[in-house]
Amino acid sequence: MLAPIAGLTGRSLVLLAITLLALVALVPTVNGYVMQQQRLSTLRAQVAQQEREVEGLEAQVARWEDPTFVSAQARERLLFAYPGETQYRLTDSSGAEVPQTTQAAQAEQRAKTAWFGTMWDSLVAASQAAPPEDPADKQGP
C-alpha cells in the first residue's frame, strides 16, 4: 500500500493523478476548440465583407440596365454622340487633348509611362539613396 506523503492519502494521490490525466487530455481539445472558434469568426467576417461586395456589384449591374446610365457612360467614355449633335474637344496649345477629369489625366499619365521607364526611375532613385548607417561605426573604443 502507498504510504502517506506530506499528509496525502492514497485516495487523494489517485484522485490527483486522475485529475492531471483529465487535464492533459482536455487541454489540447479545448485549445483546438478555441482556435476553431477564432477561425470561424474570421471566416464569418470574410463572408460578410464579400456579401457587401456582391451587393455593390449587383447595384452596379442594376445601373447598367438603365438606358440613361448606359447612354451617359457611352458619351463620357467613348465620346459617342447622337446624330445631329456637334461634339467639341478641348485641346491645349500643342494640340494635345485635355482630359476631362483628373482621373482621366492620371490614367493617361500611367498609360504614357512604359514599364522600363518606371524601372529606370526606380533604379536612379535607389542609387541616390543614402546607405544606412552601421551601428558598429558609432560605438567608440
N, C-alpha and C. Protein backbone atom coordinates (compact mmCIF):
# COMPACT_ATOMS: atom_id res chain seq x y z
N MET A 1 0.83 -1.17 0.00
CA MET A 1 0.00 0.00 0.00
C MET A 1 0.88 1.24 0.00
N LEU A 2 0.28 2.35 -0.45
CA LEU A 2 1.03 3.60 -0.53
C LEU A 2 1.10 4.26 0.83
N ALA A 3 2.25 4.76 1.16
CA ALA A 3 2.42 5.46 2.45
C ALA A 3 2.02 6.93 2.28
N PRO A 4 1.42 7.50 3.28
CA PRO A 4 1.04 8.91 3.17
C PRO A 4 2.27 9.80 3.03
N ILE A 5 2.23 10.71 2.07
CA ILE A 5 3.35 11.63 1.82
C ILE A 5 2.84 13.03 2.13
N ALA A 6 3.44 13.66 3.08
CA ALA A 6 3.14 15.03 3.49
C ALA A 6 1.65 15.23 3.67
N GLY A 7 1.00 14.32 4.31
CA GLY A 7 -0.40 14.46 4.63
C GLY A 7 -1.35 14.02 3.53
N LEU A 8 -0.84 13.44 2.42
CA LEU A 8 -1.70 12.97 1.33
C LEU A 8 -1.94 11.48 1.51
N THR A 9 -3.17 11.10 1.36
CA THR A 9 -3.51 9.69 1.47
C THR A 9 -3.44 9.08 0.08
N GLY A 10 -3.58 7.78 0.01
CA GLY A 10 -3.55 7.07 -1.26
C GLY A 10 -4.70 7.49 -2.15
N ARG A 11 -5.85 7.68 -1.56
CA ARG A 11 -7.02 8.09 -2.35
C ARG A 11 -6.82 9.47 -2.98
N SER A 12 -6.28 10.39 -2.20
CA SER A 12 -6.08 11.74 -2.74
C SER A 12 -5.02 11.75 -3.84
N LEU A 13 -4.00 10.89 -3.74
CA LEU A 13 -3.00 10.78 -4.80
C LEU A 13 -3.62 10.22 -6.08
N VAL A 14 -4.47 9.22 -5.95
CA VAL A 14 -5.14 8.65 -7.12
C VAL A 14 -6.06 9.70 -7.74
N LEU A 15 -6.79 10.42 -6.91
CA LEU A 15 -7.68 11.47 -7.40
C LEU A 15 -6.88 12.57 -8.10
N LEU A 16 -5.75 12.95 -7.54
CA LEU A 16 -4.89 13.95 -8.15
C LEU A 16 -4.34 13.46 -9.49
N ALA A 17 -3.95 12.19 -9.56
CA ALA A 17 -3.43 11.63 -10.81
C ALA A 17 -4.51 11.60 -11.87
N ILE A 18 -5.72 11.23 -11.51
CA ILE A 18 -6.83 11.20 -12.47
C ILE A 18 -7.15 12.61 -12.95
N THR A 19 -7.13 13.57 -12.05
CA THR A 19 -7.39 14.96 -12.43
C THR A 19 -6.33 15.47 -13.39
N LEU A 20 -5.07 15.20 -13.11
CA LEU A 20 -3.99 15.62 -14.01
C LEU A 20 -4.12 14.95 -15.37
N LEU A 21 -4.45 13.67 -15.40
CA LEU A 21 -4.63 12.94 -16.65
C LEU A 21 -5.80 13.54 -17.45
N ALA A 22 -6.88 13.89 -16.76
CA ALA A 22 -8.02 14.51 -17.44
C ALA A 22 -7.63 15.87 -18.02
N LEU A 23 -6.86 16.65 -17.27
CA LEU A 23 -6.40 17.95 -17.77
C LEU A 23 -5.50 17.79 -18.99
N VAL A 24 -4.60 16.85 -18.94
CA VAL A 24 -3.70 16.60 -20.07
C VAL A 24 -4.50 16.19 -21.30
N ALA A 25 -5.56 15.45 -21.11
CA ALA A 25 -6.39 15.02 -22.24
C ALA A 25 -7.28 16.14 -22.76
N LEU A 26 -7.75 17.04 -21.88
CA LEU A 26 -8.71 18.06 -22.28
C LEU A 26 -8.07 19.34 -22.81
N VAL A 27 -6.88 19.69 -22.36
CA VAL A 27 -6.27 20.96 -22.78
C VAL A 27 -6.09 21.04 -24.29
N PRO A 28 -5.55 20.04 -24.98
CA PRO A 28 -5.44 20.15 -26.44
C PRO A 28 -6.81 20.25 -27.13
N THR A 29 -7.80 19.57 -26.59
CA THR A 29 -9.14 19.62 -27.17
C THR A 29 -9.73 21.02 -27.03
N VAL A 30 -9.58 21.60 -25.85
CA VAL A 30 -10.09 22.95 -25.62
C VAL A 30 -9.32 23.96 -26.48
N ASN A 31 -8.03 23.76 -26.58
CA ASN A 31 -7.21 24.64 -27.42
C ASN A 31 -7.68 24.56 -28.88
N GLY A 32 -7.93 23.36 -29.37
CA GLY A 32 -8.43 23.19 -30.73
C GLY A 32 -9.79 23.84 -30.91
N TYR A 33 -10.65 23.74 -29.92
CA TYR A 33 -11.97 24.35 -29.98
C TYR A 33 -11.87 25.87 -30.07
N VAL A 34 -11.00 26.46 -29.24
CA VAL A 34 -10.82 27.91 -29.25
C VAL A 34 -10.27 28.37 -30.60
N MET A 35 -9.31 27.65 -31.14
CA MET A 35 -8.75 28.01 -32.44
C MET A 35 -9.81 27.91 -33.54
N GLN A 36 -10.64 26.88 -33.49
CA GLN A 36 -11.71 26.74 -34.48
C GLN A 36 -12.72 27.87 -34.36
N GLN A 37 -13.02 28.31 -33.15
CA GLN A 37 -13.95 29.41 -32.97
C GLN A 37 -13.37 30.71 -33.52
N GLN A 38 -12.08 30.92 -33.32
CA GLN A 38 -11.44 32.11 -33.86
C GLN A 38 -11.45 32.07 -35.39
N ARG A 39 -11.14 30.93 -35.95
CA ARG A 39 -11.16 30.77 -37.42
C ARG A 39 -12.58 30.98 -37.96
N LEU A 40 -13.56 30.45 -37.24
CA LEU A 40 -14.96 30.61 -37.66
C LEU A 40 -15.36 32.08 -37.66
N SER A 41 -14.96 32.82 -36.64
CA SER A 41 -15.31 34.25 -36.59
C SER A 41 -14.61 35.01 -37.72
N THR A 42 -13.38 34.64 -38.03
CA THR A 42 -12.66 35.26 -39.14
C THR A 42 -13.36 34.98 -40.47
N LEU A 43 -13.77 33.74 -40.66
CA LEU A 43 -14.46 33.38 -41.90
C LEU A 43 -15.81 34.06 -42.01
N ARG A 44 -16.50 34.21 -40.88
CA ARG A 44 -17.79 34.92 -40.91
C ARG A 44 -17.59 36.38 -41.30
N ALA A 45 -16.52 36.99 -40.81
CA ALA A 45 -16.22 38.38 -41.18
C ALA A 45 -15.91 38.48 -42.67
N GLN A 46 -15.17 37.50 -43.20
CA GLN A 46 -14.87 37.48 -44.64
C GLN A 46 -16.15 37.33 -45.45
N VAL A 47 -17.02 36.45 -45.03
CA VAL A 47 -18.29 36.24 -45.74
C VAL A 47 -19.11 37.52 -45.74
N ALA A 48 -19.16 38.21 -44.60
CA ALA A 48 -19.92 39.47 -44.52
C ALA A 48 -19.32 40.51 -45.47
N GLN A 49 -17.99 40.59 -45.52
CA GLN A 49 -17.33 41.54 -46.42
C GLN A 49 -17.64 41.19 -47.88
N GLN A 50 -17.58 39.92 -48.22
CA GLN A 50 -17.86 39.50 -49.59
C GLN A 50 -19.32 39.72 -49.96
N GLU A 51 -20.21 39.55 -49.00
CA GLU A 51 -21.63 39.83 -49.27
C GLU A 51 -21.84 41.30 -49.56
N ARG A 52 -21.13 42.17 -48.84
CA ARG A 52 -21.22 43.61 -49.12
C ARG A 52 -20.69 43.92 -50.52
N GLU A 53 -19.60 43.27 -50.89
CA GLU A 53 -19.05 43.46 -52.24
C GLU A 53 -20.03 43.00 -53.30
N VAL A 54 -20.67 41.86 -53.07
CA VAL A 54 -21.66 41.34 -54.03
C VAL A 54 -22.82 42.32 -54.17
N GLU A 55 -23.29 42.87 -53.04
CA GLU A 55 -24.38 43.84 -53.09
C GLU A 55 -23.98 45.06 -53.91
N GLY A 56 -22.75 45.52 -53.73
CA GLY A 56 -22.26 46.66 -54.50
C GLY A 56 -22.19 46.35 -55.99
N LEU A 57 -21.71 45.15 -56.31
CA LEU A 57 -21.62 44.75 -57.71
C LEU A 57 -23.00 44.57 -58.33
N GLU A 58 -23.94 44.05 -57.55
CA GLU A 58 -25.31 43.91 -58.07
C GLU A 58 -25.93 45.28 -58.32
N ALA A 59 -25.64 46.24 -57.45
CA ALA A 59 -26.14 47.60 -57.66
C ALA A 59 -25.53 48.20 -58.93
N GLN A 60 -24.25 47.90 -59.16
CA GLN A 60 -23.60 48.40 -60.37
C GLN A 60 -24.22 47.77 -61.61
N VAL A 61 -24.52 46.48 -61.56
CA VAL A 61 -25.17 45.80 -62.68
C VAL A 61 -26.55 46.41 -62.92
N ALA A 62 -27.26 46.71 -61.85
CA ALA A 62 -28.59 47.31 -61.98
C ALA A 62 -28.50 48.69 -62.65
N ARG A 63 -27.44 49.45 -62.35
CA ARG A 63 -27.27 50.74 -63.01
C ARG A 63 -27.07 50.58 -64.51
N TRP A 64 -26.35 49.52 -64.91
CA TRP A 64 -26.09 49.30 -66.33
C TRP A 64 -27.34 48.85 -67.07
N GLU A 65 -28.38 48.47 -66.36
CA GLU A 65 -29.64 48.12 -67.02
C GLU A 65 -30.47 49.36 -67.34
N ASP A 66 -30.09 50.50 -66.81
CA ASP A 66 -30.79 51.75 -67.08
C ASP A 66 -30.24 52.36 -68.37
N PRO A 67 -31.09 52.56 -69.40
CA PRO A 67 -30.61 53.09 -70.68
C PRO A 67 -30.00 54.49 -70.56
N THR A 68 -30.47 55.29 -69.62
CA THR A 68 -29.92 56.63 -69.44
C THR A 68 -28.48 56.55 -68.94
N PHE A 69 -28.22 55.66 -68.00
CA PHE A 69 -26.87 55.48 -67.47
C PHE A 69 -25.93 54.98 -68.57
N VAL A 70 -26.40 54.02 -69.37
CA VAL A 70 -25.58 53.48 -70.45
C VAL A 70 -25.25 54.58 -71.45
N SER A 71 -26.24 55.39 -71.77
CA SER A 71 -26.03 56.49 -72.72
C SER A 71 -25.00 57.49 -72.16
N ALA A 72 -25.12 57.81 -70.88
CA ALA A 72 -24.18 58.75 -70.26
C ALA A 72 -22.76 58.19 -70.25
N GLN A 73 -22.63 56.89 -69.97
CA GLN A 73 -21.30 56.27 -69.97
C GLN A 73 -20.71 56.24 -71.37
N ALA A 74 -21.53 55.96 -72.39
CA ALA A 74 -21.05 55.94 -73.76
C ALA A 74 -20.58 57.33 -74.18
N ARG A 75 -21.28 58.34 -73.76
CA ARG A 75 -20.87 59.71 -74.09
C ARG A 75 -19.56 60.06 -73.39
N GLU A 76 -19.44 59.69 -72.12
CA GLU A 76 -18.26 60.07 -71.34
C GLU A 76 -17.03 59.26 -71.73
N ARG A 77 -17.17 57.96 -71.79
CA ARG A 77 -16.01 57.09 -72.01
C ARG A 77 -15.63 56.95 -73.48
N LEU A 78 -16.61 56.82 -74.33
CA LEU A 78 -16.34 56.53 -75.74
C LEU A 78 -16.56 57.73 -76.65
N LEU A 79 -16.98 58.85 -76.04
CA LEU A 79 -17.22 60.09 -76.77
C LEU A 79 -18.26 59.91 -77.87
N PHE A 80 -19.27 59.10 -77.62
CA PHE A 80 -20.37 58.93 -78.57
C PHE A 80 -21.25 60.16 -78.55
N ALA A 81 -21.93 60.39 -79.67
CA ALA A 81 -22.88 61.49 -79.76
C ALA A 81 -24.08 61.02 -80.57
N TYR A 82 -25.21 61.63 -80.30
CA TYR A 82 -26.40 61.31 -81.09
C TYR A 82 -26.29 61.96 -82.46
N PRO A 83 -26.96 61.39 -83.45
CA PRO A 83 -26.91 62.00 -84.79
C PRO A 83 -27.43 63.44 -84.72
N GLY A 84 -26.70 64.31 -85.39
CA GLY A 84 -27.07 65.72 -85.42
C GLY A 84 -26.42 66.54 -84.33
N GLU A 85 -25.80 65.93 -83.36
CA GLU A 85 -25.12 66.66 -82.30
C GLU A 85 -23.70 67.02 -82.74
N THR A 86 -23.19 68.10 -82.22
CA THR A 86 -21.82 68.51 -82.51
C THR A 86 -21.02 68.36 -81.23
N GLN A 87 -19.91 67.67 -81.33
CA GLN A 87 -19.05 67.50 -80.16
C GLN A 87 -17.86 68.43 -80.28
N TYR A 88 -17.48 68.99 -79.17
CA TYR A 88 -16.31 69.85 -79.11
C TYR A 88 -15.31 69.18 -78.19
N ARG A 89 -14.05 69.17 -78.60
CA ARG A 89 -12.99 68.58 -77.80
C ARG A 89 -11.99 69.64 -77.44
N LEU A 90 -11.62 69.70 -76.19
CA LEU A 90 -10.66 70.68 -75.72
C LEU A 90 -9.25 70.21 -76.01
N THR A 91 -8.42 71.11 -76.46
CA THR A 91 -7.01 70.80 -76.68
C THR A 91 -6.19 71.92 -76.06
N ASP A 92 -4.95 71.59 -75.72
CA ASP A 92 -4.08 72.65 -75.21
C ASP A 92 -3.37 73.31 -76.39
N SER A 93 -2.44 74.18 -76.12
CA SER A 93 -1.79 74.94 -77.19
C SER A 93 -0.97 74.07 -78.13
N SER A 94 -0.54 72.88 -77.68
CA SER A 94 0.24 72.00 -78.54
C SER A 94 -0.66 71.12 -79.41
N GLY A 95 -1.96 71.16 -79.19
CA GLY A 95 -2.88 70.34 -79.97
C GLY A 95 -3.23 69.03 -79.31
N ALA A 96 -2.63 68.75 -78.15
CA ALA A 96 -2.95 67.52 -77.43
C ALA A 96 -4.29 67.69 -76.72
N GLU A 97 -5.02 66.60 -76.63
CA GLU A 97 -6.32 66.66 -75.97
C GLU A 97 -6.18 66.88 -74.48
N VAL A 98 -7.08 67.64 -73.91
CA VAL A 98 -7.10 67.91 -72.48
C VAL A 98 -8.06 66.91 -71.84
N PRO A 99 -7.62 66.14 -70.85
CA PRO A 99 -8.53 65.21 -70.20
C PRO A 99 -9.66 65.95 -69.49
N GLN A 100 -10.81 65.33 -69.45
CA GLN A 100 -11.97 65.98 -68.86
C GLN A 100 -11.95 65.92 -67.34
N THR A 101 -11.33 64.91 -66.76
CA THR A 101 -11.30 64.78 -65.31
C THR A 101 -9.88 64.50 -64.85
N THR A 102 -9.64 64.67 -63.55
CA THR A 102 -8.31 64.37 -63.02
C THR A 102 -8.03 62.88 -63.08
N GLN A 103 -9.08 62.05 -62.94
CA GLN A 103 -8.88 60.60 -63.05
C GLN A 103 -8.43 60.25 -64.46
N ALA A 104 -9.03 60.88 -65.46
CA ALA A 104 -8.63 60.61 -66.84
C ALA A 104 -7.20 61.08 -67.08
N ALA A 105 -6.81 62.20 -66.47
CA ALA A 105 -5.44 62.69 -66.62
C ALA A 105 -4.45 61.72 -65.98
N GLN A 106 -4.79 61.19 -64.81
CA GLN A 106 -3.90 60.24 -64.15
C GLN A 106 -3.80 58.95 -64.94
N ALA A 107 -4.92 58.47 -65.47
CA ALA A 107 -4.90 57.25 -66.29
C ALA A 107 -4.08 57.46 -67.55
N GLU A 108 -4.19 58.64 -68.14
CA GLU A 108 -3.42 58.95 -69.34
C GLU A 108 -1.93 58.98 -69.03
N GLN A 109 -1.56 59.55 -67.88
CA GLN A 109 -0.15 59.61 -67.49
C GLN A 109 0.40 58.21 -67.24
N ARG A 110 -0.38 57.35 -66.59
CA ARG A 110 0.07 55.98 -66.34
C ARG A 110 0.23 55.22 -67.65
N ALA A 111 -0.66 55.47 -68.60
CA ALA A 111 -0.58 54.78 -69.88
C ALA A 111 0.65 55.23 -70.66
N LYS A 112 1.05 56.50 -70.50
CA LYS A 112 2.21 57.01 -71.23
C LYS A 112 3.52 56.46 -70.68
N THR A 113 3.56 56.19 -69.40
CA THR A 113 4.78 55.73 -68.77
C THR A 113 4.97 54.24 -69.03
N ALA A 114 6.03 53.90 -69.74
CA ALA A 114 6.32 52.50 -70.03
C ALA A 114 6.93 51.83 -68.80
N TRP A 115 6.85 50.52 -68.73
CA TRP A 115 7.34 49.81 -67.55
C TRP A 115 8.83 50.00 -67.37
N PHE A 116 9.58 50.07 -68.48
CA PHE A 116 11.02 50.20 -68.34
C PHE A 116 11.40 51.60 -67.87
N GLY A 117 10.57 52.60 -68.19
CA GLY A 117 10.81 53.95 -67.68
C GLY A 117 10.62 54.01 -66.18
N THR A 118 9.58 53.33 -65.72
CA THR A 118 9.33 53.27 -64.28
C THR A 118 10.46 52.54 -63.57
N MET A 119 10.94 51.44 -64.19
CA MET A 119 12.03 50.68 -63.60
C MET A 119 13.30 51.53 -63.55
N TRP A 120 13.59 52.25 -64.63
CA TRP A 120 14.79 53.07 -64.67
C TRP A 120 14.72 54.17 -63.60
N ASP A 121 13.56 54.81 -63.46
CA ASP A 121 13.40 55.83 -62.44
C ASP A 121 13.63 55.26 -61.05
N SER A 122 13.16 54.03 -60.84
CA SER A 122 13.35 53.36 -59.56
C SER A 122 14.83 53.10 -59.30
N LEU A 123 15.56 52.65 -60.33
CA LEU A 123 17.00 52.39 -60.18
C LEU A 123 17.76 53.68 -59.89
N VAL A 124 17.40 54.75 -60.56
CA VAL A 124 18.06 56.03 -60.32
C VAL A 124 17.80 56.49 -58.89
N ALA A 125 16.57 56.39 -58.44
CA ALA A 125 16.23 56.80 -57.08
C ALA A 125 16.97 55.94 -56.06
N ALA A 126 17.10 54.64 -56.33
CA ALA A 126 17.79 53.75 -55.39
C ALA A 126 19.28 54.06 -55.34
N SER A 127 19.87 54.47 -56.47
CA SER A 127 21.30 54.76 -56.47
C SER A 127 21.61 56.06 -55.76
N GLN A 128 20.63 56.94 -55.65
CA GLN A 128 20.85 58.22 -54.98
C GLN A 128 20.53 58.17 -53.50
N ALA A 129 19.97 57.07 -53.04
CA ALA A 129 19.61 56.95 -51.62
C ALA A 129 20.88 56.79 -50.80
N ALA A 130 20.85 57.38 -49.61
CA ALA A 130 22.00 57.27 -48.72
C ALA A 130 22.02 55.88 -48.09
N PRO A 131 23.21 55.27 -47.99
CA PRO A 131 23.26 53.94 -47.37
C PRO A 131 22.94 54.03 -45.89
N PRO A 132 22.35 52.98 -45.32
CA PRO A 132 22.05 53.01 -43.89
C PRO A 132 23.33 53.04 -43.07
N GLU A 133 23.25 53.73 -41.96
CA GLU A 133 24.43 53.84 -41.10
C GLU A 133 24.63 52.55 -40.32
N ASP A 134 25.88 52.17 -40.18
CA ASP A 134 26.22 50.96 -39.45
C ASP A 134 26.34 51.30 -37.96
N PRO A 135 25.57 50.61 -37.10
CA PRO A 135 25.66 50.93 -35.65
C PRO A 135 27.04 50.65 -35.07
N ALA A 136 27.82 49.76 -35.71
CA ALA A 136 29.15 49.42 -35.20
C ALA A 136 30.08 50.63 -35.34
N ASP A 137 29.81 51.47 -36.37
CA ASP A 137 30.68 52.65 -36.57
C ASP A 137 30.49 53.69 -35.47
N LYS A 138 29.31 53.73 -34.86
CA LYS A 138 29.02 54.74 -33.85
C LYS A 138 29.64 54.39 -32.50
N GLN A 139 29.92 53.12 -32.27
CA GLN A 139 30.45 52.71 -30.97
C GLN A 139 31.93 53.06 -30.90
N GLY A 140 32.28 53.64 -29.84
CA GLY A 140 33.68 54.04 -29.65
C GLY A 140 34.50 52.94 -29.03
N PRO A 141 35.83 53.08 -29.03
CA PRO A 141 36.70 52.04 -28.42
C PRO A 141 36.66 52.03 -26.95
